[in-house]
Amino acid sequence: MPSDATVAHKTGSYSDATHDVALVWGPKGPYIIAVLTDRSYEWDAIREVSRAVWDYFAA
């Protein structure tokens, strides 16, 4: 997402899981996204999913 995007989110990191849930105010309106992984501190996967969702709703 762009650095100036408005987001309210909560992360959770555990020894065997990394999660992020967010309310995002996108260019065409707000949406909610939840990404749950089964890997410790796996931020790359969350970033990739978040970017794909942003691109979808921005199209």
Protein backbone atom coordinates (compact mmCIF):
# COMPACT_ATOMS: atom_id res chain seq x y z
CA MET A 1 0.00 0.00 0.00
CA PRO A 2 1.13 3.56 -0.45
CA SER A 3 2.83 5.10 2.57
CA ASP A 4 0.07 7.71 2.87
CA ALA A 5 -2.76 5.13 3.03
CA THR A 6 -4.98 5.34 6.10
CA VAL A 7 -5.01 2.05 8.00
CA ALA A 8 -6.08 0.85 11.46
CA HIS A 9 -4.63 -2.58 12.21
CA LYS A 10 -3.65 -5.08 14.88
CA THR A 11 -0.90 -7.64 14.52
CA GLY A 12 -0.25 -10.83 16.41
CA SER A 13 3.06 -12.69 16.37
CA TYR A 14 3.67 -16.01 18.07
CA SER A 15 6.31 -18.69 17.88
CA ASP A 16 4.34 -20.47 15.16
CA ALA A 17 2.01 -17.83 13.69
CA THR A 18 1.87 -14.26 12.41
CA HIS A 19 -1.44 -12.45 11.85
CA ASP A 20 -2.58 -8.99 10.80
CA VAL A 21 -6.12 -7.62 10.64
CA ALA A 22 -6.79 -4.17 9.21
CA LEU A 23 -9.42 -1.65 8.25
CA VAL A 24 -8.09 0.11 5.15
CA TRP A 25 -9.44 3.26 3.56
CA GLY A 26 -8.67 2.50 -0.08
CA PRO A 27 -8.97 4.75 -3.13
CA LYS A 28 -12.50 3.48 -3.85
CA GLY A 29 -13.71 3.05 -0.28
CA PRO A 30 -12.90 1.18 2.92
CA TYR A 31 -12.36 -2.55 3.22
CA ILE A 32 -11.34 -5.05 5.90
CA ILE A 33 -8.53 -7.56 5.44
CA ALA A 34 -7.31 -10.38 7.68
CA VAL A 35 -4.17 -12.36 6.86
CA LEU A 36 -3.20 -15.34 9.02
CA THR A 37 -0.02 -17.36 8.55
CA ASP A 38 1.31 -20.50 10.18
CA ARG A 39 4.88 -19.17 10.26
CA SER A 40 6.74 -17.20 12.87
CA TYR A 41 7.16 -13.51 11.97
CA GLU A 42 6.20 -14.06 8.31
CA TRP A 43 5.67 -10.44 7.23
CA ASP A 44 6.56 -11.00 3.55
CA ALA A 45 3.49 -13.16 2.94
CA ILE A 46 1.26 -10.60 4.68
CA ARG A 47 2.78 -7.79 2.59
CA GLU A 48 2.19 -9.70 -0.65
CA VAL A 49 -1.46 -10.46 0.14
CA SER A 50 -2.07 -6.91 1.32
CA ARG A 51 -0.59 -5.48 -1.89
CA ALA A 52 -2.70 -7.79 -4.07
CA VAL A 53 -5.89 -6.78 -2.24
CA TRP A 54 -4.98 -3.06 -2.48
CA ASP A 55 -4.35 -3.40 -6.22
CA TYR A 56 -7.65 -5.25 -6.70
CA PHE A 57 -9.72 -2.59 -4.93
CA ALA A 58 -7.79 0.28 -6.54
CA ALA A 59 -8.52 -1.03 -10.08
